[in-house]
Amino acid sequence: MKRRKTRDPEETREKLLAAAEAEFNVRGFRATDTNRIAKRAGYAPQTFYRHFDDKIAIFVAVYERWWQSEAGAVGDIYLARGTAGLNQAADTLIAFHVNWRGFRRSLRHLAVEEKRVRAARTKARKAQLANMRALLPKSRHNDAQIYAWLLILERLCDAISDGEFAN
């Protein structure tokens, strides 16, 4: 009798997340379904539901990976080069937004429409604020100013990635 191959749940989850990243970035949230994500990852559709409750749950997981990856990349530059690395950090931020343009469009819409996405975005922004607060001199900037800079920077990166500054 043939024994069924046991799959590593973490590996399966990672493959589903990678497939969802690609699907959301290329097709957007609305044009993607869980069956397509599972098939792209190489699994039967029911495998999706062993790891995620629904499409919003995997979207939130993809978002968390995205912002943590972005923050890590920019933080690494800052730690290595300090303020001398600001141009490189800006280029890295823009590249993240350009490479994830489709996903970010869905994120902007879902953050308005979907409570779980809005909560994930709030969590991310609080972490970003804490990271910035740790990097800046304490007496020079308050949280409102830092938060405003984060929002402005995010909007500018999205505008650049969407081609709003193209001639």
Foldseek 3Di string as FASTA:
>chain_A
DDDDDDDDPVLLLVLLLVLLLVCCQVPNLVRDAQQSSQVSSPHGSVVSVVRAVGSVRSLLVNVVVLLVVLCVVLVVQCVVPNPVSPVVNLVSLLVSCLSRVSSVVNLVVCCVVPPVSVVSVVVSLVVVLVVVCVNDPPPPDDSVVSSVVVVVSNVVSNCVSVPVVPD
